[in-house]
């Protein structure tokens, strides 16, 4: 009885189940994991949102730098100073009437 030795069907089934389980785990990790495809799409969307926010903040910074320059000692804009005194401090001129 020196015939060919084949593995029992149970062992083959176990190897197959292990291979399917490992393949399934790696497929799941490739899709849902920390570095998976879905996470990469989410990061790309976050990057786009943050770039828009960055542009908004840069515009606000430029506006504030312009106002600061206009109120500096070297370049004083009297109209801007008058506007800021009215808005922030609530100043009025003597010839103005307030209607509420």
PDB file of N, CA and C in Angstrom:
ATOM      1  N   UNK A   1       0.805  -1.170   0.000  1.00  0.00           N
ATOM      2  CA  UNK A   1       0.000   0.000   0.000  1.00  0.00           C
ATOM      3  C   UNK A   1       0.858   1.249   0.000  1.00  0.00           C
ATOM      4  N   UNK A   2       1.491   1.415  -1.050  1.00  0.00           N
ATOM      5  CA  UNK A   2       2.345   2.584  -1.181  1.00  0.00           C
ATOM      6  C   UNK A   2       1.732   3.603  -2.138  1.00  0.00           C
ATOM      7  N   UNK A   3       0.459   3.797  -2.059  1.00  0.00           N
ATOM      8  CA  UNK A   3      -0.238   4.720  -2.957  1.00  0.00           C
ATOM      9  C   UNK A   3       0.078   6.170  -2.606  1.00  0.00           C
ATOM     10  N   UNK A   4      -0.460   7.075  -3.397  1.00  0.00           N
ATOM     11  CA  UNK A   4      -0.255   8.499  -3.130  1.00  0.00           C
ATOM     12  C   UNK A   4      -1.019   8.897  -1.886  1.00  0.00           C
ATOM     13  N   UNK A   5      -0.417   9.769  -1.151  1.00  0.00           N
ATOM     14  CA  UNK A   5      -1.025  10.204   0.100  1.00  0.00           C
ATOM     15  C   UNK A   5      -1.666  11.567  -0.124  1.00  0.00           C
ATOM     16  N   UNK A   6      -2.944  11.640   0.015  1.00  0.00           N
ATOM     17  CA  UNK A   6      -3.630  12.918  -0.126  1.00  0.00           C
ATOM     18  C   UNK A   6      -4.075  13.382   1.257  1.00  0.00           C
ATOM     19  N   UNK A   7      -4.122  14.695   1.421  1.00  0.00           N
ATOM     20  CA  UNK A   7      -4.523  15.209   2.726  1.00  0.00           C
ATOM     21  C   UNK A   7      -6.020  14.997   2.908  1.00  0.00           C
ATOM     22  N   UNK A   8      -6.411  14.799   4.122  1.00  0.00           N
ATOM     23  CA  UNK A   8      -7.829  14.569   4.376  1.00  0.00           C
ATOM     24  C   UNK A   8      -8.646  15.817   4.025  1.00  0.00           C
ATOM     25  N   UNK A   9      -9.885  15.658   3.683  1.00  0.00           N
ATOM     26  CA  UNK A   9     -10.712  16.809   3.296  1.00  0.00           C
ATOM     27  C   UNK A   9     -10.861  17.838   4.411  1.00  0.00           C
ATOM     28  N   UNK A  10     -10.782  17.441   5.638  1.00  0.00           N
ATOM     29  CA  UNK A  10     -10.913  18.390   6.758  1.00  0.00           C
ATOM     30  C   UNK A  10      -9.711  19.327   6.790  1.00  0.00           C
ATOM     31  N   UNK A  11      -8.532  18.810   6.604  1.00  0.00           N
ATOM     32  CA  UNK A  11      -7.327  19.640   6.607  1.00  0.00           C
ATOM     33  C   UNK A  11      -7.354  20.618   5.440  1.00  0.00           C
ATOM     34  N   UNK A  12      -7.785  20.163   4.293  1.00  0.00           N
ATOM     35  CA  UNK A  12      -7.884  21.040   3.121  1.00  0.00           C
ATOM     36  C   UNK A  12      -8.899  22.146   3.378  1.00  0.00           C
ATOM     37  N   UNK A  13     -10.016  21.777   3.977  1.00  0.00           N
ATOM     38  CA  UNK A  13     -11.049  22.772   4.283  1.00  0.00           C
ATOM     39  C   UNK A  13     -10.529  23.794   5.296  1.00  0.00           C
ATOM     40  N   UNK A  14      -9.763  23.350   6.290  1.00  0.00           N
ATOM     41  CA  UNK A  14      -9.199  24.279   7.282  1.00  0.00           C
ATOM     42  C   UNK A  14      -8.214  25.249   6.624  1.00  0.00           C
ATOM     43  N   UNK A  15      -7.359  24.717   5.751  1.00  0.00           N
ATOM     44  CA  UNK A  15      -6.411  25.593   5.047  1.00  0.00           C
ATOM     45  C   UNK A  15      -7.149  26.616   4.189  1.00  0.00           C
ATOM     46  N   UNK A  16      -8.174  26.173   3.529  1.00  0.00           N
ATOM     47  CA  UNK A  16      -8.960  27.052   2.679  1.00  0.00           C
ATOM     48  C   UNK A  16      -9.660  28.128   3.516  1.00  0.00           C
ATOM     49  N   UNK A  17     -10.235  27.739   4.650  1.00  0.00           N
ATOM     50  CA  UNK A  17     -10.899  28.718   5.529  1.00  0.00           C
ATOM     51  C   UNK A  17      -9.896  29.730   6.080  1.00  0.00           C
ATOM     52  N   UNK A  18      -8.704  29.265   6.444  1.00  0.00           N
ATOM     53  CA  UNK A  18      -7.668  30.187   6.930  1.00  0.00           C
ATOM     54  C   UNK A  18      -7.263  31.164   5.829  1.00  0.00           C
ATOM     55  N   UNK A  19      -7.098  30.671   4.635  1.00  0.00           N
ATOM     56  CA  UNK A  19      -6.708  31.532   3.517  1.00  0.00           C
ATOM     57  C   UNK A  19      -7.797  32.561   3.219  1.00  0.00           C
ATOM     58  N   UNK A  20      -9.054  32.133   3.256  1.00  0.00           N
ATOM     59  CA  UNK A  20     -10.167  33.056   3.019  1.00  0.00           C
ATOM     60  C   UNK A  20     -10.247  34.091   4.143  1.00  0.00           C
ATOM     61  N   UNK A  21     -10.059  33.660   5.385  1.00  0.00           N
ATOM     62  CA  UNK A  21     -10.117  34.577   6.518  1.00  0.00           C
ATOM     63  C   UNK A  21      -8.996  35.618   6.439  1.00  0.00           C
ATOM     64  N   UNK A  22      -7.797  35.182   6.137  1.00  0.00           N
ATOM     65  CA  UNK A  22      -6.667  36.114   6.029  1.00  0.00           C
ATOM     66  C   UNK A  22      -6.872  37.067   4.861  1.00  0.00           C
ATOM     67  N   UNK A  23      -7.325  36.540   3.736  1.00  0.00           N
ATOM     68  CA  UNK A  23      -7.600  37.403   2.582  1.00  0.00           C
ATOM     69  C   UNK A  23      -8.703  38.402   2.906  1.00  0.00           C
ATOM     70  N   UNK A  24      -9.731  37.957   3.586  1.00  0.00           N
ATOM     71  CA  UNK A  24     -10.823  38.846   3.986  1.00  0.00           C
ATOM     72  C   UNK A  24     -10.356  39.932   4.928  1.00  0.00           C
ATOM     73  N   UNK A  25      -9.491  39.567   5.874  1.00  0.00           N
ATOM     74  CA  UNK A  25      -8.956  40.562   6.810  1.00  0.00           C
ATOM     75  C   UNK A  25      -8.168  41.639   6.068  1.00  0.00           C
ATOM     76  N   UNK A  26      -7.293  41.221   5.165  1.00  0.00           N
ATOM     77  CA  UNK A  26      -6.485  42.202   4.439  1.00  0.00           C
ATOM     78  C   UNK A  26      -7.340  43.058   3.494  1.00  0.00           C
ATOM     79  N   UNK A  27      -8.361  42.462   2.903  1.00  0.00           N
ATOM     80  CA  UNK A  27      -9.268  43.235   2.044  1.00  0.00           C
ATOM     81  C   UNK A  27     -10.028  44.270   2.876  1.00  0.00           C
ATOM     82  N   UNK A  28     -10.501  43.863   4.051  1.00  0.00           N
ATOM     83  CA  UNK A  28     -11.203  44.791   4.943  1.00  0.00           C
ATOM     84  C   UNK A  28     -10.276  45.915   5.384  1.00  0.00           C
ATOM     85  N   UNK A  29      -9.039  45.570   5.764  1.00  0.00           N
ATOM     86  CA  UNK A  29      -8.079  46.588   6.202  1.00  0.00           C
ATOM     87  C   UNK A  29      -7.737  47.546   5.064  1.00  0.00           C
ATOM     88  N   UNK A  30      -7.687  47.039   3.841  1.00  0.00           N
ATOM     89  CA  UNK A  30      -7.380  47.902   2.700  1.00  0.00           C
ATOM     90  C   UNK A  30      -8.507  48.899   2.436  1.00  0.00           C
ATOM     91  N   UNK A  31      -9.720  48.532   2.778  1.00  0.00           N
ATOM     92  CA  UNK A  31     -10.862  49.423   2.549  1.00  0.00           C
ATOM     93  C   UNK A  31     -11.143  50.307   3.767  1.00  0.00           C
ATOM     94  N   UNK A  32     -11.213  49.721   4.945  1.00  0.00           N
ATOM     95  CA  UNK A  32     -11.697  50.420   6.136  1.00  0.00           C
ATOM     96  C   UNK A  32     -10.605  50.826   7.117  1.00  0.00           C
ATOM     97  N   UNK A  33      -9.398  50.368   6.952  1.00  0.00           N
ATOM     98  CA  UNK A  33      -8.338  50.596   7.929  1.00  0.00           C
ATOM     99  C   UNK A  33      -7.900  52.043   8.015  1.00  0.00           C
ATOM    100  N   UNK A  34      -6.960  52.304   8.910  1.00  0.00           N
ATOM    101  CA  UNK A  34      -6.444  53.657   9.121  1.00  0.00           C
ATOM    102  C   UNK A  34      -5.816  54.233   7.861  1.00  0.00           C
ATOM    103  N   UNK A  35      -5.283  53.396   7.017  1.00  0.00           N
ATOM    104  CA  UNK A  35      -4.655  53.839   5.772  1.00  0.00           C
ATOM    105  C   UNK A  35      -5.396  53.300   4.558  1.00  0.00           C
ATOM    106  N   UNK A  36      -6.668  52.980   4.743  1.00  0.00           N
ATOM    107  CA  UNK A  36      -7.453  52.376   3.674  1.00  0.00           C
ATOM    108  C   UNK A  36      -7.986  53.394   2.677  1.00  0.00           C
ATOM    109  N   UNK A  37      -8.712  52.876   1.723  1.00  0.00           N
ATOM    110  CA  UNK A  37      -9.239  53.700   0.629  1.00  0.00           C
ATOM    111  C   UNK A  37     -10.256  54.712   1.150  1.00  0.00           C
ATOM    112  N   UNK A  38     -11.177  54.281   2.013  1.00  0.00           N
ATOM    113  CA  UNK A  38     -12.192  55.198   2.527  1.00  0.00           C
ATOM    114  C   UNK A  38     -11.563  56.313   3.358  1.00  0.00           C
ATOM    115  N   UNK A  39     -10.556  55.996   4.133  1.00  0.00           N
ATOM    116  CA  UNK A  39      -9.869  57.009   4.943  1.00  0.00           C
ATOM    117  C   UNK A  39      -9.151  57.999   4.034  1.00  0.00           C
ATOM    118  N   UNK A  40      -8.576  57.527   2.953  1.00  0.00           N
ATOM    119  CA  UNK A  40      -7.879  58.413   2.009  1.00  0.00           C
ATOM    120  C   UNK A  40      -8.866  59.388   1.360  1.00  0.00           C
ATOM    121  N   UNK A  41     -10.057  58.912   1.012  1.00  0.00           N
ATOM    122  CA  UNK A  41     -11.082  59.796   0.434  1.00  0.00           C
ATOM    123  C   UNK A  41     -11.512  60.837   1.461  1.00  0.00           C
ATOM    124  N   UNK A  42     -11.682  60.413   2.702  1.00  0.00           N
ATOM    125  CA  UNK A  42     -12.067  61.332   3.764  1.00  0.00           C
ATOM    126  C   UNK A  42     -10.976  62.390   3.987  1.00  0.00           C
ATOM    127  N   UNK A  43      -9.734  61.986   3.966  1.00  0.00           N
ATOM    128  CA  UNK A  43      -8.632  62.927   4.145  1.00  0.00           C
ATOM    129  C   UNK A  43      -8.583  63.920   2.990  1.00  0.00           C
ATOM    130  N   UNK A  44      -8.837  63.458   1.779  1.00  0.00           N
ATOM    131  CA  UNK A  44      -8.858  64.367   0.622  1.00  0.00           C
ATOM    132  C   UNK A  44      -9.959  65.411   0.770  1.00  0.00           C
ATOM    133  N   UNK A  45     -11.126  64.993   1.241  1.00  0.00           N
ATOM    134  CA  UNK A  45     -12.223  65.944   1.461  1.00  0.00           C
ATOM    135  C   UNK A  45     -11.860  66.940   2.561  1.00  0.00           C
ATOM    136  N   UNK A  46     -11.228  66.455   3.620  1.00  0.00           N
ATOM    137  CA  UNK A  46     -10.798  67.346   4.698  1.00  0.00           C
ATOM    138  C   UNK A  46      -9.769  68.354   4.199  1.00  0.00           C
ATOM    139  N   UNK A  47      -8.871  67.914   3.358  1.00  0.00           N
ATOM    140  CA  UNK A  47      -7.854  68.816   2.800  1.00  0.00           C
ATOM    141  C   UNK A  47      -8.513  69.922   1.993  1.00  0.00           C
ATOM    142  N   UNK A  48      -9.521  69.566   1.188  1.00  0.00           N
ATOM    143  CA  UNK A  48     -10.221  70.571   0.383  1.00  0.00           C
ATOM    144  C   UNK A  48     -10.915  71.596   1.275  1.00  0.00           C
ATOM    145  N   UNK A  49     -11.580  71.132   2.337  1.00  0.00           N
ATOM    146  CA  UNK A  49     -12.252  72.047   3.273  1.00  0.00           C
ATOM    147  C   UNK A  49     -11.240  72.961   3.956  1.00  0.00           C
ATOM    148  N   UNK A  50     -10.119  72.395   4.370  1.00  0.00           N
ATOM    149  CA  UNK A  50      -9.116  73.184   5.068  1.00  0.00           C
ATOM    150  C   UNK A  50      -8.437  74.194   4.148  1.00  0.00           C
ATOM    151  N   UNK A  51      -8.289  73.863   2.875  1.00  0.00           N
ATOM    152  CA  UNK A  51      -7.716  74.829   1.937  1.00  0.00           C
ATOM    153  C   UNK A  51      -8.656  76.009   1.733  1.00  0.00           C
ATOM    154  N   UNK A  52      -9.971  75.744   1.698  1.00  0.00           N
ATOM    155  CA  UNK A  52     -10.948  76.837   1.593  1.00  0.00           C
ATOM    156  C   UNK A  52     -10.881  77.695   2.842  1.00  0.00           C
ATOM    157  N   UNK A  53     -10.824  77.061   4.004  1.00  0.00           N
ATOM    158  CA  UNK A  53     -10.738  77.804   5.277  1.00  0.00           C
ATOM    159  C   UNK A  53      -9.453  78.623   5.335  1.00  0.00           C
ATOM    160  N   UNK A  54      -8.365  78.055   4.842  1.00  0.00           N
ATOM    161  CA  UNK A  54      -7.087  78.768   4.816  1.00  0.00           C
ATOM    162  C   UNK A  54      -7.191  80.024   3.950  1.00  0.00           C
ATOM    163  N   UNK A  55      -7.837  79.899   2.786  1.00  0.00           N
ATOM    164  CA  UNK A  55      -8.005  81.059   1.908  1.00  0.00           C
ATOM    165  C   UNK A  55      -8.844  82.139   2.588  1.00  0.00           C
ATOM    166  N   UNK A  56      -9.899  81.718   3.314  1.00  0.00           N
ATOM    167  CA  UNK A  56     -10.723  82.686   4.042  1.00  0.00           C
ATOM    168  C   UNK A  56      -9.897  83.403   5.106  1.00  0.00           C
ATOM    169  N   UNK A  57      -9.100  82.657   5.834  1.00  0.00           N
ATOM    170  CA  UNK A  57      -8.281  83.253   6.892  1.00  0.00           C
ATOM    171  C   UNK A  57      -7.206  84.172   6.319  1.00  0.00           C
ATOM    172  N   UNK A  58      -6.640  83.805   5.172  1.00  0.00           N
ATOM    173  CA  UNK A  58      -5.645  84.673   4.545  1.00  0.00           C
ATOM    174  C   UNK A  58      -6.279  85.981   4.086  1.00  0.00           C
ATOM    175  N   UNK A  59      -7.514  85.916   3.580  1.00  0.00           N
ATOM    176  CA  UNK A  59      -8.221  87.139   3.180  1.00  0.00           C
ATOM    177  C   UNK A  59      -8.516  88.007   4.396  1.00  0.00           C
ATOM    178  N   UNK A  60      -8.932  87.386   5.486  1.00  0.00           N
ATOM    179  CA  UNK A  60      -9.190  88.131   6.722  1.00  0.00           C
ATOM    180  C   UNK A  60      -7.898  88.747   7.257  1.00  0.00           C
ATOM    181  N   UNK A  61      -6.810  88.019   7.185  1.00  0.00           N
ATOM    182  CA  UNK A  61      -5.518  88.548   7.623  1.00  0.00           C
ATOM    183  C   UNK A  61      -5.107  89.747   6.780  1.00  0.00           C
ATOM    184  N   UNK A  62      -5.286  89.659   5.472  1.00  0.00           N
ATOM    185  CA  UNK A  62      -4.940  90.776   4.592  1.00  0.00           C
ATOM    186  C   UNK A  62      -5.790  91.999   4.917  1.00  0.00           C
ATOM    187  N   UNK A  63      -7.092  91.775   5.190  1.00  0.00           N
ATOM    188  CA  UNK A  63      -7.970  92.886   5.549  1.00  0.00           C
ATOM    189  C   UNK A  63      -7.520  93.536   6.850  1.00  0.00           C
ATOM    190  N   UNK A  64      -7.174  92.731   7.833  1.00  0.00           N
ATOM    191  CA  UNK A  64      -6.739  93.267   9.125  1.00  0.00           C
ATOM    192  C   UNK A  64      -5.391  93.976   9.007  1.00  0.00           C
ATOM    193  N   UNK A  65      -4.497  93.440   8.188  1.00  0.00           N
ATOM    194  CA  UNK A  65      -3.215  94.118   7.979  1.00  0.00           C
ATOM    195  C   UNK A  65      -3.432  95.468   7.305  1.00  0.00           C
ATOM    196  N   UNK A  66      -4.372  95.541   6.369  1.00  0.00           N
ATOM    197  CA  UNK A  66      -4.688  96.790   5.705  1.00  0.00           C
ATOM    198  C   UNK A  66      -5.231  97.807   6.718  1.00  0.00           C
ATOM    199  N   UNK A  67      -6.158  97.366   7.567  1.00  0.00           N
ATOM    200  CA  UNK A  67      -6.703  98.272   8.586  1.00  0.00           C
ATOM    201  C   UNK A  67      -5.626  98.718   9.566  1.00  0.00           C
ATOM    202  N   UNK A  68      -4.773  97.810   9.957  1.00  0.00           N
ATOM    203  CA  UNK A  68      -3.692  98.151  10.881  1.00  0.00           C
ATOM    204  C   UNK A  68      -2.749  99.168  10.259  1.00  0.00           C
ATOM    205  N   UNK A  69      -2.428  98.957   8.991  1.00  0.00           N
ATOM    206  CA  UNK A  69      -1.556  99.896   8.284  1.00  0.00           C
ATOM    207  C   UNK A  69      -2.213 101.270   8.197  1.00  0.00           C
ATOM    208  N   UNK A  70      -3.512 101.296   7.929  1.00  0.00           N
ATOM    209  CA  UNK A  70      -4.219 102.566   7.783  1.00  0.00           C
ATOM    210  C   UNK A  70      -4.375 103.312   9.103  1.00  0.00           C
ATOM    211  N   UNK A  71      -4.255 102.604  10.225  1.00  0.00           N
ATOM    212  CA  UNK A  71      -4.353 103.257  11.529  1.00  0.00           C
ATOM    213  C   UNK A  71      -2.990 103.422  12.202  1.00  0.00           C
ATOM    214  N   UNK A  72      -1.922 103.157  11.486  1.00  0.00           N
ATOM    215  CA  UNK A  72      -0.589 103.251  12.083  1.00  0.00           C
ATOM    216  C   UNK A  72      -0.142 104.717  12.151  1.00  0.00           C
ATOM    217  N   UNK A  73       0.948 104.948  12.843  1.00  0.00           N
ATOM    218  CA  UNK A  73       1.483 106.307  13.004  1.00  0.00           C
ATOM    219  C   UNK A  73       1.987 106.869  11.681  1.00  0.00           C
ATOM    220  N   UNK A  74       2.478 106.013  10.808  1.00  0.00           N
ATOM    221  CA  UNK A  74       3.050 106.496   9.551  1.00  0.00           C
ATOM    222  C   UNK A  74       1.979 106.838   8.512  1.00  0.00           C
ATOM    223  N   UNK A  75       0.812 106.247   8.631  1.00  0.00           N
ATOM    224  CA  UNK A  75      -0.240 106.478   7.639  1.00  0.00           C
ATOM    225  C   UNK A  75      -1.582 106.447   8.361  1.00  0.00           C
ATOM    226  N   UNK A  76      -2.068 107.587   8.788  1.00  0.00           N
ATOM    227  CA  UNK A  76      -3.307 107.647   9.553  1.00  0.00           C
ATOM    228  C   UNK A  76      -4.457 108.048   8.634  1.00  0.00           C
ATOM    229  N   UNK A  77      -5.426 107.174   8.510  1.00  0.00           N
ATOM    230  CA  UNK A  77      -6.627 107.423   7.706  1.00  0.00           C
ATOM    231  C   UNK A  77      -7.697 107.975   8.644  1.00  0.00           C
ATOM    232  N   UNK A  78      -7.977 109.273   8.534  1.00  0.00           N
ATOM    233  CA  UNK A  78      -8.895 109.926   9.467  1.00  0.00           C
ATOM    234  C   UNK A  78     -10.325 109.408   9.325  1.00  0.00           C
ATOM    235  N   UNK A  79     -10.737 109.080   8.116  1.00  0.00           N
ATOM    236  CA  UNK A  79     -12.082 108.529   7.937  1.00  0.00           C
ATOM    237  C   UNK A  79     -12.225 107.187   8.644  1.00  0.00           C
ATOM    238  N   UNK A  80     -11.220 106.344   8.532  1.00  0.00           N
ATOM    239  CA  UNK A  80     -11.251 105.052   9.210  1.00  0.00           C
ATOM    240  C   UNK A  80     -11.216 105.241  10.720  1.00  0.00           C
ATOM    241  N   UNK A  81     -10.415 106.167  11.195  1.00  0.00           N
ATOM    242  CA  UNK A  81     -10.346 106.444  12.632  1.00  0.00           C
ATOM    243  C   UNK A  81     -11.703 106.912  13.143  1.00  0.00           C
ATOM    244  N   UNK A  82     -12.361 107.799  12.388  1.00  0.00           N
ATOM    245  CA  UNK A  82     -13.683 108.285  12.765  1.00  0.00           C
ATOM    246  C   UNK A  82     -14.699 107.137  12.792  1.00  0.00           C
ATOM    247  N   UNK A  83     -14.649 106.276  11.786  1.00  0.00           N
ATOM    248  CA  UNK A  83     -15.572 105.140  11.740  1.00  0.00           C
ATOM    249  C   UNK A  83     -15.369 104.211  12.926  1.00  0.00           C
ATOM    250  N   UNK A  84     -14.121 103.881  13.223  1.00  0.00           N
ATOM    251  CA  UNK A  84     -13.840 102.966  14.339  1.00  0.00           C
ATOM    252  C   UNK A  84     -14.243 103.581  15.672  1.00  0.00           C
ATOM    253  N   UNK A  85     -14.041 104.889  15.851  1.00  0.00           N
ATOM    254  CA  UNK A  85     -14.443 105.547  17.100  1.00  0.00           C
ATOM    255  C   UNK A  85     -15.962 105.497  17.253  1.00  0.00           C
ATOM    256  N   UNK A  86     -16.684 105.637  16.168  1.00  0.00           N
ATOM    257  CA  UNK A  86     -18.143 105.577  16.230  1.00  0.00           C
ATOM    258  C   UNK A  86     -18.622 104.158  16.557  1.00  0.00           C
ATOM    259  N   UNK A  87     -18.045 103.167  15.884  1.00  0.00           N
ATOM    260  CA  UNK A  87     -18.499 101.791  16.072  1.00  0.00           C
ATOM    261  C   UNK A  87     -18.089 101.251  17.432  1.00  0.00           C
ATOM    262  N   UNK A  88     -16.834 101.403  17.780  1.00  0.00           N
ATOM    263  CA  UNK A  88     -16.316 100.776  19.000  1.00  0.00           C
ATOM    264  C   UNK A  88     -16.696 101.571  20.241  1.00  0.00           C
ATOM    265  N   UNK A  89     -16.506 102.878  20.189  1.00  0.00           N
ATOM    266  CA  UNK A  89     -16.718 103.695  21.380  1.00  0.00           C
ATOM    267  C   UNK A  89     -18.089 104.350  21.434  1.00  0.00           C
ATOM    268  N   UNK A  90     -18.820 104.339  20.334  1.00  0.00           N
ATOM    269  CA  UNK A  90     -20.143 104.942  20.312  1.00  0.00           C
ATOM    270  C   UNK A  90     -20.108 106.459  20.266  1.00  0.00           C
ATOM    271  N   UNK A  91     -19.041 107.019  19.716  1.00  0.00           N
ATOM    272  CA  UNK A  91     -18.920 108.477  19.646  1.00  0.00           C
ATOM    273  C   UNK A  91     -19.856 109.063  18.599  1.00  0.00           C
ATOM    274  N   UNK A  92     -20.313 110.272  18.867  1.00  0.00           N
ATOM    275  CA  UNK A  92     -21.122 111.041  17.945  1.00  0.00           C
ATOM    276  C   UNK A  92     -20.588 112.463  17.869  1.00  0.00           C
ATOM    277  N   UNK A  93     -20.862 113.135  16.770  1.00  0.00           N
ATOM    278  CA  UNK A  93     -20.522 114.551  16.696  1.00  0.00           C
ATOM    279  C   UNK A  93     -21.652 115.343  17.303  1.00  0.00           C
ATOM    280  N   UNK A  94     -21.384 116.582  17.659  1.00  0.00           N
ATOM    281  CA  UNK A  94     -22.391 117.416  18.323  1.00  0.00           C
ATOM    282  C   UNK A  94     -23.567 117.727  17.409  1.00  0.00           C
ATOM    283  N   UNK A  95     -23.356 117.757  16.100  1.00  0.00           N
ATOM    284  CA  UNK A  95     -24.416 118.130  15.177  1.00  0.00           C
ATOM    285  C   UNK A  95     -25.212 116.923  14.661  1.00  0.00           C
ATOM    286  N   UNK A  96     -25.000 115.722  15.204  1.00  0.00           N
ATOM    287  CA  UNK A  96     -25.685 114.518  14.750  1.00  0.00           C
ATOM    288  C   UNK A  96     -26.878 114.203  15.641  1.00  0.00           C
ATOM    289  N   UNK A  97     -27.898 113.613  15.023  1.00  0.00           N
ATOM    290  CA  UNK A  97     -29.103 113.191  15.762  1.00  0.00           C
ATOM    291  C   UNK A  97     -29.193 111.674  15.641  1.00  0.00           C
ATOM    292  N   UNK A  98     -29.429 111.018  16.757  1.00  0.00           N
ATOM    293  CA  UNK A  98     -29.523 109.560  16.792  1.00  0.00           C
ATOM    294  C   UNK A  98     -30.985 109.156  16.724  1.00  0.00           C
ATOM    295  N   UNK A  99     -31.328 108.308  15.760  1.00  0.00           N
ATOM    296  CA  UNK A  99     -32.680 107.795  15.620  1.00  0.00           C
ATOM    297  C   UNK A  99     -32.632 106.298  15.883  1.00  0.00           C
ATOM    298  N   UNK A 100     -33.423 105.859  16.846  1.00  0.00           N
ATOM    299  CA  UNK A 100     -33.417 104.429  17.191  1.00  0.00           C
ATOM    300  C   UNK A 100     -34.727 103.782  16.875  1.00  0.00           C
TER     301      UNK A 100
END
